[in-house]
């Protein structure tokens, strides 16, 4: 069953392994499943790619981990569709959110795929 799940999420699993290598992330921050990988590259935030959750060691908290676990559940549900339906819009929304003029009028976590990740991860935002 683990092999089937890994293949179901193959594109994001491959990107997850590549991100761990490129970010020089280390494992685990927390025990359990999934293990949370940590990096200290300040330009990069947290990400969930298949079986891999990679968090920025400078800025993550429990809510971030839960949100990324929500994205991981999306990946398990959507398989190969995760990257085009969730991953790419999430990255684009995150990049747009980092522009200060837009940040003042735009709540990244109100995007549909981010709200769904929060719901799946059990995150409550005010």
C-alpha atoms as a PDB file:
ATOM      1  CA  UNK A   1       0.000   0.000   0.000  1.00  0.00           C
ATOM      2  CA  UNK A   2       2.866   2.449   0.760  1.00  0.00           C
ATOM      3  CA  UNK A   3       4.323   1.840  -2.701  1.00  0.00           C
ATOM      4  CA  UNK A   4       0.969   2.574  -4.360  1.00  0.00           C
ATOM      5  CA  UNK A   5       0.580   5.784  -2.336  1.00  0.00           C
ATOM      6  CA  UNK A   6       4.141   6.824  -3.196  1.00  0.00           C
ATOM      7  CA  UNK A   7       3.439   6.291  -6.913  1.00  0.00           C
ATOM      8  CA  UNK A   8       0.048   8.035  -6.641  1.00  0.00           C
ATOM      9  CA  UNK A   9       1.966  11.101  -5.396  1.00  0.00           C
ATOM     10  CA  UNK A  10       5.088  10.517  -7.509  1.00  0.00           C
ATOM     11  CA  UNK A  11       5.528  14.015  -9.028  1.00  0.00           C
ATOM     12  CA  UNK A  12       5.311  15.772  -5.667  1.00  0.00           C
ATOM     13  CA  UNK A  13       7.396  13.074  -3.931  1.00  0.00           C
ATOM     14  CA  UNK A  14      10.191  13.621  -6.468  1.00  0.00           C
ATOM     15  CA  UNK A  15       9.969  17.388  -5.949  1.00  0.00           C
ATOM     16  CA  UNK A  16       9.975  16.830  -2.180  1.00  0.00           C
ATOM     17  CA  UNK A  17      13.216  14.845  -2.324  1.00  0.00           C
ATOM     18  CA  UNK A  18      14.757  17.485  -4.607  1.00  0.00           C
ATOM     19  CA  UNK A  19      13.674  20.287  -2.226  1.00  0.00           C
ATOM     20  CA  UNK A  20      15.187  18.481   0.766  1.00  0.00           C
ATOM     21  CA  UNK A  21      18.493  18.184  -1.082  1.00  0.00           C
ATOM     22  CA  UNK A  22      18.469  21.753  -2.454  1.00  0.00           C
ATOM     23  CA  UNK A  23      17.464  23.300   0.869  1.00  0.00           C
ATOM     24  CA  UNK A  24      19.889  21.132   2.838  1.00  0.00           C
ATOM     25  CA  UNK A  25      16.968  20.223   5.101  1.00  0.00           C
ATOM     26  CA  UNK A  26      17.384  17.818   7.962  1.00  0.00           C
ATOM     27  CA  UNK A  27      15.037  15.335   9.621  1.00  0.00           C
ATOM     28  CA  UNK A  28      13.150  15.072  11.827  1.00  0.00           C
ATOM     29  CA  UNK A  29      12.030  18.133  13.682  1.00  0.00           C
ATOM     30  CA  UNK A  30       9.171  16.146  15.164  1.00  0.00           C
ATOM     31  CA  UNK A  31       8.820  12.397  15.417  1.00  0.00           C
ATOM     32  CA  UNK A  32       5.896  10.504  14.053  1.00  0.00           C
ATOM     33  CA  UNK A  33       4.418  10.244  10.648  1.00  0.00           C
ATOM     34  CA  UNK A  34       5.014  12.349   8.692  1.00  0.00           C
ATOM     35  CA  UNK A  35       8.444  13.443   9.782  1.00  0.00           C
ATOM     36  CA  UNK A  36       8.857  17.176   9.405  1.00  0.00           C
ATOM     37  CA  UNK A  37      12.041  18.262   7.635  1.00  0.00           C
ATOM     38  CA  UNK A  38      13.586  21.603   8.604  1.00  0.00           C
ATOM     39  CA  UNK A  39      15.663  24.090   6.621  1.00  0.00           C
ATOM     40  CA  UNK A  40      17.131  27.492   7.401  1.00  0.00           C
ATOM     41  CA  UNK A  41      17.004  29.110   3.967  1.00  0.00           C
ATOM     42  CA  UNK A  42      15.322  32.394   4.763  1.00  0.00           C
ATOM     43  CA  UNK A  43      14.010  33.009   1.234  1.00  0.00           C
ATOM     44  CA  UNK A  44      11.867  29.892   1.244  1.00  0.00           C
ATOM     45  CA  UNK A  45       8.771  29.236   3.346  1.00  0.00           C
ATOM     46  CA  UNK A  46       7.193  25.919   4.283  1.00  0.00           C
ATOM     47  CA  UNK A  47       5.930  23.388   1.755  1.00  0.00           C
ATOM     48  CA  UNK A  48       4.207  20.017   1.593  1.00  0.00           C
ATOM     49  CA  UNK A  49       5.240  17.799  -1.315  1.00  0.00           C
ATOM     50  CA  UNK A  50       3.826  14.282  -1.179  1.00  0.00           C
ATOM     51  CA  UNK A  51       5.269  12.400   1.777  1.00  0.00           C
ATOM     52  CA  UNK A  52       7.523  15.327   2.700  1.00  0.00           C
ATOM     53  CA  UNK A  53       6.728  18.378   4.786  1.00  0.00           C
ATOM     54  CA  UNK A  54       9.560  20.902   4.829  1.00  0.00           C
ATOM     55  CA  UNK A  55       9.357  23.876   7.169  1.00  0.00           C
ATOM     56  CA  UNK A  56      11.417  27.020   7.530  1.00  0.00           C
ATOM     57  CA  UNK A  57      13.217  26.685  10.871  1.00  0.00           C
ATOM     58  CA  UNK A  58      13.112  30.442  11.447  1.00  0.00           C
ATOM     59  CA  UNK A  59       9.389  30.982  11.135  1.00  0.00           C
ATOM     60  CA  UNK A  60       7.276  27.876  11.615  1.00  0.00           C
ATOM     61  CA  UNK A  61       4.863  27.107  14.412  1.00  0.00           C
ATOM     62  CA  UNK A  62       2.276  24.425  15.170  1.00  0.00           C
ATOM     63  CA  UNK A  63      -0.327  26.103  12.947  1.00  0.00           C
ATOM     64  CA  UNK A  64       2.112  26.018  10.015  1.00  0.00           C
ATOM     65  CA  UNK A  65       2.739  22.304  10.542  1.00  0.00           C
ATOM     66  CA  UNK A  66      -0.994  21.587  10.734  1.00  0.00           C
ATOM     67  CA  UNK A  67      -1.609  23.637   7.581  1.00  0.00           C
ATOM     68  CA  UNK A  68       1.114  21.696   5.723  1.00  0.00           C
ATOM     69  CA  UNK A  69      -0.382  18.418   6.961  1.00  0.00           C
ATOM     70  CA  UNK A  70      -3.632  19.637   5.383  1.00  0.00           C
ATOM     71  CA  UNK A  71      -1.802  20.082   2.083  1.00  0.00           C
ATOM     72  CA  UNK A  72      -0.366  16.587   2.512  1.00  0.00           C
ATOM     73  CA  UNK A  73      -3.896  15.214   2.823  1.00  0.00           C
ATOM     74  CA  UNK A  74      -4.830  17.085  -0.356  1.00  0.00           C
ATOM     75  CA  UNK A  75      -1.887  15.406  -2.077  1.00  0.00           C
ATOM     76  CA  UNK A  76      -3.050  11.982  -0.966  1.00  0.00           C
ATOM     77  CA  UNK A  77      -6.552  12.672  -2.225  1.00  0.00           C
ATOM     78  CA  UNK A  78      -5.601  14.244  -5.561  1.00  0.00           C
ATOM     79  CA  UNK A  79      -2.487  12.290  -6.519  1.00  0.00           C
ATOM     80  CA  UNK A  80      -0.978  13.532  -9.775  1.00  0.00           C
ATOM     81  CA  UNK A  81      -3.532  16.377  -9.897  1.00  0.00           C
ATOM     82  CA  UNK A  82      -2.155  17.933  -6.690  1.00  0.00           C
ATOM     83  CA  UNK A  83       0.567  20.006  -8.343  1.00  0.00           C
ATOM     84  CA  UNK A  84      -1.601  21.674 -11.022  1.00  0.00           C
ATOM     85  CA  UNK A  85      -4.666  22.114  -8.780  1.00  0.00           C
ATOM     86  CA  UNK A  86      -3.037  22.981  -5.439  1.00  0.00           C
ATOM     87  CA  UNK A  87       0.746  23.326  -5.714  1.00  0.00           C
ATOM     88  CA  UNK A  88       1.026  25.824  -8.560  1.00  0.00           C
ATOM     89  CA  UNK A  89      -1.835  28.081  -7.383  1.00  0.00           C
ATOM     90  CA  UNK A  90      -0.431  27.977  -3.847  1.00  0.00           C
ATOM     91  CA  UNK A  91       3.058  29.006  -4.975  1.00  0.00           C
ATOM     92  CA  UNK A  92       1.628  31.775  -7.173  1.00  0.00           C
ATOM     93  CA  UNK A  93      -0.576  33.053  -4.350  1.00  0.00           C
ATOM     94  CA  UNK A  94       2.366  32.992  -1.941  1.00  0.00           C
ATOM     95  CA  UNK A  95       4.535  34.995  -4.344  1.00  0.00           C
ATOM     96  CA  UNK A  96       1.780  37.559  -4.895  1.00  0.00           C
ATOM     97  CA  UNK A  97       1.202  37.788  -1.129  1.00  0.00           C
ATOM     98  CA  UNK A  98       4.855  38.764  -0.583  1.00  0.00           C
ATOM     99  CA  UNK A  99       4.374  42.006  -2.509  1.00  0.00           C
ATOM    100  CA  UNK A 100       3.703  44.573   0.231  1.00  0.00           C
ATOM    101  CA  UNK A 101       1.141  46.653  -1.697  1.00  0.00           C
ATOM    102  CA  UNK A 102      -0.902  43.522  -2.362  1.00  0.00           C
ATOM    103  CA  UNK A 103      -0.313  42.047   1.085  1.00  0.00           C
ATOM    104  CA  UNK A 104      -2.310  44.871   2.671  1.00  0.00           C
ATOM    105  CA  UNK A 105      -5.420  43.936   0.650  1.00  0.00           C
ATOM    106  CA  UNK A 106      -4.980  40.191   0.187  1.00  0.00           C
ATOM    107  CA  UNK A 107      -5.234  37.327   2.658  1.00  0.00           C
ATOM    108  CA  UNK A 108      -3.320  34.327   1.309  1.00  0.00           C
ATOM    109  CA  UNK A 109      -5.175  31.933   3.615  1.00  0.00           C
ATOM    110  CA  UNK A 110      -8.533  32.979   2.153  1.00  0.00           C
ATOM    111  CA  UNK A 111      -7.654  31.333  -1.163  1.00  0.00           C
ATOM    112  CA  UNK A 112      -9.845  28.236  -1.668  1.00  0.00           C
ATOM    113  CA  UNK A 113      -6.994  25.692  -1.711  1.00  0.00           C
ATOM    114  CA  UNK A 114      -5.444  27.254   1.408  1.00  0.00           C
ATOM    115  CA  UNK A 115      -8.776  27.285   3.268  1.00  0.00           C
ATOM    116  CA  UNK A 116      -9.204  23.613   2.350  1.00  0.00           C
ATOM    117  CA  UNK A 117      -5.702  22.808   3.664  1.00  0.00           C
ATOM    118  CA  UNK A 118      -6.523  24.609   6.917  1.00  0.00           C
ATOM    119  CA  UNK A 119      -9.753  22.623   7.233  1.00  0.00           C
ATOM    120  CA  UNK A 120      -8.038  19.282   6.552  1.00  0.00           C
ATOM    121  CA  UNK A 121      -5.254  20.168   9.004  1.00  0.00           C
ATOM    122  CA  UNK A 122      -7.602  21.408  11.721  1.00  0.00           C
ATOM    123  CA  UNK A 123      -6.301  24.992  11.623  1.00  0.00           C
ATOM    124  CA  UNK A 124      -8.501  27.752  13.024  1.00  0.00           C
ATOM    125  CA  UNK A 125      -7.720  31.271  11.789  1.00  0.00           C
ATOM    126  CA  UNK A 126      -9.340  34.444  13.069  1.00  0.00           C
END
